[in-house]
Protein backbone atom coordinates (compact mmCIF):
# COMPACT_ATOMS: atom_id res chain seq x y z
CA MET A 1 5.70 -0.75 -26.05
CA ALA A 2 3.71 -3.01 -24.30
CA ASP A 3 2.06 -2.85 -20.34
CA ASN A 4 0.65 -6.94 -21.00
CA ILE A 5 2.61 -9.56 -21.85
CA GLU A 6 0.54 -10.63 -23.99
CA ASP A 7 0.68 -8.00 -25.49
CA VAL A 8 3.83 -7.83 -27.05
CA SER A 9 3.98 -8.72 -31.19
CA ILE A 10 7.17 -8.77 -34.01
CA THR A 11 4.55 -7.84 -36.21
CA TYR A 12 6.71 -5.26 -38.34
CA GLU A 13 4.90 -2.74 -41.29
CA GLU A 14 6.90 -0.59 -43.18
CA ASP A 15 5.44 0.96 -46.12
CA GLY A 16 2.13 -0.58 -45.60
CA VAL A 17 4.17 -4.06 -46.22
CA GLU A 18 3.95 -6.51 -43.57
CA ILE A 19 8.12 -7.20 -43.16
CA VAL A 20 7.24 -9.15 -40.19
CA LYS A 21 4.10 -11.61 -40.40
CA GLU A 22 3.96 -13.36 -37.09
CA LEU A 23 1.69 -16.36 -37.08
CA ASP A 24 1.42 -17.28 -33.49
CA LYS A 25 3.05 -16.94 -30.29
CA ARG A 26 2.92 -18.95 -27.03
CA VAL A 27 3.79 -16.58 -23.26
CA LEU A 28 6.29 -19.64 -21.98
CA SER A 29 6.71 -17.73 -18.22
CA LYS A 30 5.42 -13.83 -16.44
CA GLY A 31 6.60 -11.75 -14.67
CA ALA A 32 9.41 -8.55 -14.58
CA TRP A 33 11.06 -11.15 -16.08
CA ALA A 34 8.59 -12.68 -19.45
CA THR A 35 9.66 -15.51 -22.34
CA VAL A 36 7.89 -15.53 -25.58
CA VAL A 37 7.89 -18.21 -28.44
CA PHE A 38 6.66 -16.51 -31.77
CA LYS A 39 5.73 -18.10 -35.09
CA TYR A 40 6.53 -15.42 -38.09
CA GLN A 41 7.34 -15.43 -41.16
CA ASP A 42 9.37 -12.80 -43.01
CA TRP A 43 8.36 -10.45 -46.47
CA ASP A 44 11.06 -11.65 -49.07
CA ARG A 45 11.23 -8.11 -51.11
CA ALA A 46 13.12 -9.82 -54.35
CA LYS A 47 10.36 -12.73 -54.26
CA GLU A 48 7.03 -11.05 -53.15
CA VAL A 49 6.06 -13.73 -50.86
CA TYR A 50 6.68 -14.87 -47.03
CA SER A 51 9.30 -17.30 -45.92
CA ASP A 52 8.51 -20.41 -44.64
CA ASP A 53 8.06 -20.71 -41.11
CA LYS A 54 10.56 -19.56 -38.86
CA TYR A 55 10.38 -19.11 -35.13
CA THR A 56 11.56 -16.75 -32.16
CA ILE A 57 12.35 -17.38 -28.40
CA ARG A 58 12.04 -13.94 -26.88
CA ARG A 59 13.23 -12.79 -23.55
CA TYR A 60 11.25 -8.94 -22.06
CA ARG A 61 11.76 -7.18 -19.35
CA LYS A 62 9.17 -4.76 -17.38
CA MET A 63 10.89 -1.41 -17.25
CA SER A 64 8.48 1.59 -16.10
CA GLY A 65 5.17 -0.52 -16.80
CA ASP A 66 6.15 -1.80 -20.20
CA TYR A 67 8.08 -4.67 -21.76
CA ARG A 68 11.01 -4.31 -23.71
CA GLN A 69 12.74 -7.01 -24.93
CA GLN A 70 16.07 -7.86 -24.00
CA SER A 71 16.70 -10.78 -25.73
CA LYS A 72 16.10 -13.09 -28.83
CA PHE A 73 17.12 -16.27 -30.47
CA ASN A 74 16.03 -17.24 -33.95
CA ILE A 75 15.42 -20.45 -34.87
CA SER A 76 15.83 -20.50 -39.16
CA SER A 77 13.65 -23.43 -39.99
CA LYS A 78 11.27 -25.89 -39.30
CA LYS A 79 14.51 -28.76 -39.14
CA GLN A 80 16.39 -26.60 -36.45
CA ALA A 81 13.59 -26.23 -34.59
CA MET A 82 12.72 -29.80 -34.81
CA LYS A 83 16.58 -30.89 -33.58
CA LEU A 84 15.85 -28.56 -30.98
CA VAL A 85 12.53 -30.54 -29.59
CA GLU A 86 14.51 -33.51 -29.84
CA ILE A 87 17.54 -32.36 -27.69
CA LEU A 88 15.02 -30.57 -25.16
CA GLN A 89 12.68 -34.46 -24.95
CA GLU A 90 15.98 -36.63 -24.13
CA TRP A 91 17.64 -34.17 -22.12
CA ALA A 92 13.92 -33.40 -20.28
CA GLN A 93 13.90 -37.06 -19.69
CA ASP A 94 16.53 -37.41 -17.08
């Protein structure tokens, strides 16, 4: 757990292998409820390579001094990410 939202990470290691490799992150909102967008890759055990870039939006809640994940939305491809950007840009112009 992290007591500072900037210290939250999705990096995950198992048996010395980085299963989830965090490439970048951006904090969208801070406070008792915080929102963070991560760029990451998953390790493909069968092929022994990392996946294409993926993205995830996660909500954290600060409880007892630590940020704990409450929800997440995974964006599984660049194509899906670009479609989401397109829609949000259209809506934000209204």
